[in-house]
Amino acid sequence: MNEVKWLRMLTFIGLVFVLSTGTFKVAIAAGPIEMKAVAFLPTTTHETKFFVEFIEDVQKRTQGQLKIKFLGGPEVISSREQIDALQSGVVQMALIPPSYYAKRAPAISAKYLGGTMTEQRKNGFYDILVELTEKADMRLLGEVNSGSGMYLITNFPVNNPRTDFKGKKIRTVETYDKFIEALGAAGVVVPRIDIYSAMERGVINGFFANAMQIFEFGLDEVVKYVIHPMMWWGGAIVNLNLDTWKKLPKEIQKALLDTMIEKEQKWEPLYDRMDREARAKLNGKGVKEIKFSPEDEKWFVNLALTKEWGDILKDDPVNGERLRKISFPK
């Protein structure tokens, strides 16, 4: 073999070595990867603050090789339009609820019925959610409010849940619309930012929210009752545009997932304290808590689960049943 051929072979071997020794190093040479992110909730809410904390931490973890510019909340892109912006790649990351893409992936609504994200990662529920989210052209990373559930907040008392909702108007989304109908109430679609005026004008008589959001949205002046038990867990999901996710180096993907898991494990235990403090503050403002008898509570919860699981199974029998078996094994 002459000297020229030998040098060519060495060059080829060196090139193959460079291309096969870690995409993260290649990414470093090419410069940082840049993303834009938005949130469906205002920047003053704890969910969006947690989202920004995640963004900051993952950037530190990747040592500047991933740069995520947080653009803001619904003041930048309206909440409902953020799903289109993410799917089309206008932004690459978003904090959005599963209800926004339930029509593309009906069984995704089971997210609210299956416990915390830590539990769902362990029992296989999370893997199915990832699979379903990819059908909507996104990659699910995790959840910022996994330890938080929602109460039904009203301006009217409820003594008997079987009769006292009849004729009332409750803000609805795809997640719990069948439950509201089963209670005998009318579901009314109201943007989150318009809940205050809708309650004030009688457009609605109640809505689902966690206790902290009542203060974050300034709703304490228009609510009178917090109805137990807490239901519809989590729902503030961190998603990536699917094409963006697929193009990321494995090291960046791992950094995103590892950071998400660490943050979930930090945040989930905080919600018990945050909930207690918010409800104590509401009590101080004269808002009353309603707790049903054990029999009525069982009826109330069973109605919610039966109606919502029934809706999920009707729209997506195969994936709905996969998720239901994990949540409620026989």
Protein backbone atom coordinates (compact mmCIF):
# COMPACT_ATOMS: atom_id res chain seq x y z
CA MET A 1 0.00 0.00 0.00
CA ASN A 2 1.60 3.34 -1.06
CA GLU A 3 1.81 6.36 1.22
CA VAL A 4 -1.10 8.25 -0.43
CA LYS A 5 -3.52 5.33 -0.03
CA TRP A 6 -2.39 4.87 3.55
CA LEU A 7 -3.07 8.51 4.39
CA ARG A 8 -6.52 8.31 2.76
CA MET A 9 -7.41 5.25 4.82
CA LEU A 10 -6.27 6.93 8.03
CA THR A 11 -8.35 9.98 7.16
CA PHE A 12 -11.44 7.82 6.50
CA ILE A 13 -10.99 5.89 9.74
CA GLY A 14 -10.60 9.17 11.64
CA LEU A 15 -13.79 10.57 10.09
CA VAL A 16 -15.79 7.48 11.03
CA PHE A 17 -14.44 7.73 14.59
CA VAL A 18 -15.44 11.38 14.91
CA LEU A 19 -18.97 10.74 13.64
CA SER A 20 -19.52 7.81 15.96
CA THR A 21 -18.15 9.18 19.24
CA GLY A 22 -21.14 10.95 20.72
CA THR A 23 -23.61 13.32 19.19
CA PHE A 24 -23.32 15.58 22.22
CA LYS A 25 -19.71 16.42 21.24
CA VAL A 26 -20.84 17.05 17.69
CA ALA A 27 -23.54 19.35 19.07
CA ILE A 28 -20.89 21.26 21.03
CA ALA A 29 -18.87 21.82 17.86
CA ALA A 30 -21.98 22.93 15.97
CA GLY A 31 -23.04 25.39 18.66
CA PRO A 32 -25.89 25.34 21.19
CA ILE A 33 -29.32 23.98 20.35
CA GLU A 34 -31.96 26.69 20.70
CA MET A 35 -35.63 26.33 21.58
CA LYS A 36 -38.56 28.62 22.32
CA ALA A 37 -41.09 27.79 25.03
CA VAL A 38 -44.53 29.02 26.16
CA ALA A 39 -47.00 28.20 28.94
CA PHE A 40 -50.79 28.05 28.86
CA LEU A 41 -50.99 29.62 32.33
CA PRO A 42 -49.90 33.16 33.29
CA THR A 43 -46.36 33.68 34.54
CA THR A 44 -47.71 34.49 38.02
CA THR A 45 -49.02 30.94 38.60
CA HIS A 46 -46.99 28.38 40.51
CA GLU A 47 -47.22 25.91 37.59
CA THR A 48 -45.53 28.31 35.19
CA LYS A 49 -42.93 29.24 37.81
CA PHE A 50 -42.11 25.54 38.21
CA PHE A 51 -41.89 25.25 34.40
CA VAL A 52 -39.37 28.10 34.27
CA GLU A 53 -37.42 26.42 37.08
CA PHE A 54 -37.25 23.25 34.97
CA ILE A 55 -36.03 25.24 31.95
CA GLU A 56 -33.30 26.91 33.99
CA ASP A 57 -32.14 23.64 35.52
CA VAL A 58 -31.97 21.72 32.27
CA GLN A 59 -29.91 24.51 30.71
CA LYS A 60 -27.45 24.29 33.60
CA ARG A 61 -27.34 20.51 33.27
CA THR A 62 -26.41 20.71 29.58
CA GLN A 63 -23.75 23.33 30.33
CA GLY A 64 -25.14 25.79 27.82
CA GLN A 65 -25.51 23.32 24.96
CA LEU A 66 -29.29 23.67 25.17
CA LYS A 67 -30.69 27.18 25.27
CA ILE A 68 -34.42 27.56 25.89
CA LYS A 69 -35.98 31.00 25.57
CA PHE A 70 -39.16 31.25 27.62
CA LEU A 71 -41.43 33.63 25.72
CA GLY A 72 -44.19 33.85 28.32
CA GLY A 73 -47.77 32.72 28.88
CA PRO A 74 -51.09 33.34 27.13
CA GLU A 75 -50.23 37.00 26.68
CA VAL A 76 -47.73 35.85 24.02
CA ILE A 77 -49.77 33.10 22.37
CA SER A 78 -53.31 32.46 23.55
CA SER A 79 -53.64 29.26 25.58
CA ARG A 80 -55.68 27.29 23.06
CA GLU A 81 -53.45 28.35 20.15
CA GLN A 82 -50.32 27.10 21.89
CA ILE A 83 -51.06 23.51 20.92
CA ASP A 84 -50.98 24.45 17.21
CA ALA A 85 -47.82 26.48 17.73
CA LEU A 86 -46.11 23.50 19.34
CA GLN A 87 -47.29 20.90 16.83
CA SER A 88 -46.25 23.09 13.89
CA GLY A 89 -42.86 23.96 15.39
CA VAL A 90 -43.45 27.70 15.89
CA VAL A 91 -42.33 26.91 19.45
CA GLN A 92 -40.47 23.76 20.43
CA MET A 93 -41.58 23.35 24.04
CA ALA A 94 -44.83 24.15 25.85
CA LEU A 95 -46.58 23.71 29.16
CA ILE A 96 -50.08 22.59 28.13
CA PRO A 97 -52.90 20.40 29.51
CA PRO A 98 -53.89 17.06 27.93
CA SER A 99 -57.41 18.38 27.36
CA TYR A 100 -56.00 20.60 24.57
CA TYR A 101 -55.14 17.60 22.42
CA ALA A 102 -57.72 15.06 23.61
CA LYS A 103 -59.42 15.10 20.20
CA ARG A 104 -56.20 13.88 18.56
CA ALA A 105 -55.52 11.34 21.32
CA PRO A 106 -58.77 10.69 23.26
CA ALA A 107 -57.28 8.33 25.86
CA ILE A 108 -54.84 11.04 26.99
CA SER A 109 -57.59 12.33 29.29
CA ALA A 110 -56.90 9.33 31.52
CA LYS A 111 -53.86 11.27 32.72
CA TYR A 112 -56.12 13.08 35.19
CA LEU A 113 -57.43 9.79 36.60
CA GLY A 114 -54.24 7.81 37.10
CA GLY A 115 -52.41 9.25 40.12
CA THR A 116 -49.09 11.08 40.33
CA MET A 117 -46.52 11.08 37.56
CA THR A 118 -44.04 9.27 39.82
CA GLU A 119 -46.55 6.44 40.20
CA GLN A 120 -47.30 6.48 36.48
CA ARG A 121 -43.63 6.19 35.57
CA LYS A 122 -43.35 3.07 37.73
CA ASN A 123 -46.45 1.21 36.57
CA GLY A 124 -46.20 1.75 32.82
CA PHE A 125 -48.98 4.36 32.59
CA TYR A 126 -46.44 7.03 31.60
CA ASP A 127 -45.10 4.98 28.67
CA ILE A 128 -48.60 4.73 27.19
CA LEU A 129 -49.12 8.48 27.67
CA VAL A 130 -45.88 9.11 25.76
CA GLU A 131 -47.08 6.83 22.95
CA LEU A 132 -50.44 8.64 22.77
CA THR A 133 -48.84 12.09 22.83
CA GLU A 134 -46.60 11.18 19.91
CA LYS A 135 -49.75 10.56 17.87
CA ALA A 136 -50.43 14.27 18.36
CA ASP A 137 -46.94 15.18 17.06
CA MET A 138 -45.47 15.88 20.51
CA ARG A 139 -43.20 14.18 23.00
CA LEU A 140 -44.36 14.18 26.62
CA LEU A 141 -41.58 14.86 29.14
CA GLY A 142 -43.43 15.13 32.45
CA GLU A 143 -45.65 17.24 34.66
CA VAL A 144 -45.11 20.25 36.91
CA ASN A 145 -48.21 19.78 39.11
CA SER A 146 -48.35 16.02 39.55
CA GLY A 147 -49.12 16.24 43.26
CA SER A 148 -52.06 18.60 42.79
CA GLY A 149 -55.73 17.78 42.28
CA MET A 150 -58.72 20.02 41.65
CA TYR A 151 -61.73 20.87 43.76
CA LEU A 152 -65.13 21.88 42.47
CA ILE A 153 -65.38 25.55 43.47
CA THR A 154 -68.86 27.10 43.59
CA ASN A 155 -70.87 30.12 44.67
CA PHE A 156 -73.75 27.92 45.90
CA PRO A 157 -73.96 25.35 48.73
CA VAL A 158 -74.28 21.62 48.05
CA ASN A 159 -75.90 19.47 50.70
CA ASN A 160 -76.96 16.59 48.46
CA PRO A 161 -74.69 15.98 45.44
CA ARG A 162 -77.41 13.90 43.78
CA THR A 163 -79.79 16.85 43.44
CA ASP A 164 -78.14 20.19 44.21
CA PHE A 165 -76.23 20.59 40.94
CA LYS A 166 -79.33 20.37 38.79
CA GLY A 167 -79.86 23.57 36.83
CA LYS A 168 -76.46 25.00 37.75
CA LYS A 169 -73.81 26.05 35.23
CA ILE A 170 -70.27 24.75 35.61
CA ARG A 171 -67.21 25.66 33.53
CA THR A 172 -66.35 22.63 31.44
CA VAL A 173 -63.47 21.16 29.46
CA GLU A 174 -63.16 17.81 27.67
CA THR A 175 -61.66 16.21 30.78
CA TYR A 176 -64.78 16.24 32.93
CA ASP A 177 -67.65 17.30 30.67
CA LYS A 178 -69.53 14.00 31.04
CA PHE A 179 -69.30 14.19 34.83
CA ILE A 180 -70.84 17.66 34.85
CA GLU A 181 -73.68 16.47 32.64
CA ALA A 182 -74.26 13.45 34.90
CA LEU A 183 -74.62 15.78 37.90
CA GLY A 184 -77.48 17.50 36.08
CA ALA A 185 -75.55 20.72 35.54
CA ALA A 186 -74.96 22.52 32.26
CA GLY A 187 -71.37 22.66 31.04
CA VAL A 188 -70.28 26.10 29.84
CA VAL A 189 -67.02 26.72 27.95
CA VAL A 190 -65.24 29.72 29.46
CA PRO A 191 -61.58 30.72 28.93
CA ARG A 192 -59.62 30.47 32.16
CA ILE A 193 -58.84 34.18 32.18
CA ASP A 194 -62.58 34.96 32.01
CA ILE A 195 -63.66 32.87 35.02
CA TYR A 196 -63.86 35.91 37.33
CA SER A 197 -66.26 37.86 35.11
CA ALA A 198 -68.25 34.70 34.28
CA MET A 199 -68.78 33.98 37.99
CA GLU A 200 -69.56 37.63 38.70
CA ARG A 201 -72.19 37.83 35.93
CA GLY A 202 -73.73 34.43 36.59
CA VAL A 203 -72.56 32.89 33.32
CA ILE A 204 -71.23 30.05 35.47
CA ASN A 205 -71.84 29.04 39.10
CA GLY A 206 -68.71 26.99 39.55
CA PHE A 207 -65.47 25.64 38.12
CA PHE A 208 -62.71 23.11 38.82
CA ALA A 209 -59.38 24.40 40.11
CA ASN A 210 -56.78 23.74 42.76
CA ALA A 211 -56.91 25.94 45.85
CA MET A 212 -53.78 27.92 44.94
CA GLN A 213 -55.22 29.06 41.62
CA ILE A 214 -58.10 30.81 43.36
CA PHE A 215 -55.63 33.40 44.62
CA GLU A 216 -53.35 33.33 41.59
CA PHE A 217 -56.30 34.28 39.38
CA GLY A 218 -57.86 36.63 41.94
CA LEU A 219 -61.01 34.53 42.25
CA ASP A 220 -61.39 34.64 46.03
CA GLU A 221 -63.90 37.48 45.71
CA VAL A 222 -66.37 35.45 43.61
CA VAL A 223 -66.26 32.01 45.28
CA LYS A 224 -68.03 30.80 48.41
CA TYR A 225 -67.52 27.02 48.62
CA VAL A 226 -64.77 24.46 48.07
CA ILE A 227 -66.23 21.00 47.50
CA HIS A 228 -64.24 17.95 48.54
CA PRO A 229 -62.76 15.54 47.60
CA MET A 230 -59.89 16.61 45.38
CA MET A 231 -60.09 15.04 41.91
CA TRP A 232 -58.58 15.34 38.40
CA TRP A 233 -54.89 15.12 39.24
CA GLY A 234 -52.17 17.17 37.58
CA GLY A 235 -52.59 18.30 34.01
CA ALA A 236 -49.81 20.86 33.47
CA ILE A 237 -47.72 18.83 31.04
CA VAL A 238 -44.31 19.67 29.58
CA ASN A 239 -44.31 18.65 25.91
CA LEU A 240 -41.79 18.99 23.10
CA ASN A 241 -42.44 19.22 19.39
CA LEU A 242 -41.95 15.63 18.19
CA ASP A 243 -39.64 16.46 15.27
CA THR A 244 -37.51 18.58 17.59
CA TRP A 245 -37.29 15.71 20.08
CA LYS A 246 -36.24 13.19 17.43
CA LYS A 247 -33.43 15.44 16.19
CA LEU A 248 -31.94 15.99 19.64
CA PRO A 249 -28.73 14.18 20.59
CA LYS A 250 -29.33 11.32 23.00
CA GLU A 251 -27.41 13.15 25.70
CA ILE A 252 -29.75 16.14 25.45
CA GLN A 253 -32.82 13.89 25.52
CA LYS A 254 -31.49 12.19 28.64
CA ALA A 255 -30.76 15.53 30.30
CA LEU A 256 -34.34 16.69 29.66
CA LEU A 257 -35.86 13.50 31.06
CA ASP A 258 -33.53 13.23 34.05
CA THR A 259 -34.13 16.86 35.01
CA MET A 260 -37.90 16.42 34.64
CA ILE A 261 -37.94 13.40 36.94
CA GLU A 262 -35.83 15.18 39.56
CA LYS A 263 -38.12 18.21 39.52
CA GLU A 264 -41.27 16.06 39.79
CA GLN A 265 -39.83 14.32 42.85
CA LYS A 266 -39.09 17.73 44.38
CA TRP A 267 -42.47 19.30 43.57
CA GLU A 268 -44.94 16.51 44.34
CA PRO A 269 -44.44 16.60 48.15
CA LEU A 270 -44.85 20.40 48.18
CA TYR A 271 -48.47 20.30 47.10
CA ASP A 272 -49.92 19.01 50.37
CA ARG A 273 -48.52 22.02 52.21
CA MET A 274 -49.45 24.46 49.44
CA ASP A 275 -53.02 23.11 49.41
CA ARG A 276 -53.42 23.34 53.20
CA GLU A 277 -52.08 26.90 53.28
CA ALA A 278 -54.33 28.05 50.43
CA ARG A 279 -57.45 26.51 51.98
CA ALA A 280 -56.63 28.06 55.36
CA LYS A 281 -56.34 31.43 53.65
CA LEU A 282 -59.68 30.87 51.92
CA ASN A 283 -61.30 29.95 55.24
CA GLY A 284 -60.01 33.24 56.62
CA LYS A 285 -61.87 35.04 53.85
CA GLY A 286 -65.12 33.26 54.69
CA VAL A 287 -65.00 30.57 52.00
CA LYS A 288 -66.50 27.35 53.38
CA GLU A 289 -65.39 23.79 52.70
CA ILE A 290 -68.02 21.17 51.95
CA LYS A 291 -67.29 17.54 52.81
CA PHE A 292 -69.91 14.96 51.95
CA SER A 293 -70.84 11.95 54.05
CA PRO A 294 -68.79 8.82 53.23
CA GLU A 295 -71.75 7.44 51.29
CA ASP A 296 -72.27 10.62 49.26
CA GLU A 297 -68.55 11.03 48.62
CA LYS A 298 -68.33 7.48 47.29
CA TRP A 299 -71.29 8.18 44.99
CA PHE A 300 -69.74 11.47 43.83
CA VAL A 301 -66.32 9.96 43.03
CA ASN A 302 -67.76 6.83 41.42
CA LEU A 303 -69.95 8.95 39.17
CA ALA A 304 -66.93 10.97 38.05
CA LEU A 305 -64.80 7.91 37.34
CA THR A 306 -67.58 5.94 35.67
CA LYS A 307 -68.58 8.76 33.33
CA GLU A 308 -65.06 9.81 32.37
CA TRP A 309 -63.66 6.30 31.92
CA GLY A 310 -66.78 5.44 29.93
CA ASP A 311 -66.14 8.39 27.63
CA ILE A 312 -62.46 7.46 27.19
CA LEU A 313 -63.29 3.82 26.44
CA LYS A 314 -65.93 4.84 23.91
CA ASP A 315 -63.53 7.13 22.01
CA ASP A 316 -60.47 4.85 22.20
CA PRO A 317 -61.39 1.34 23.43
CA VAL A 318 -57.95 -0.20 22.96
CA ASN A 319 -55.76 2.40 24.65
CA GLY A 320 -58.43 3.30 27.16
CA GLU A 321 -58.55 -0.29 28.35
CA ARG A 322 -54.74 -0.47 28.52
CA LEU A 323 -54.73 2.52 30.84
CA ARG A 324 -57.75 1.46 32.86
CA LYS A 325 -56.19 -1.92 33.64
CA ILE A 326 -53.19 -0.18 35.16
CA SER A 327 -55.30 2.27 37.18
CA PHE A 328 -57.93 -0.22 38.30
CA PRO A 329 -56.57 -3.77 38.02
CA LYS A 330 -59.20 -6.43 38.73
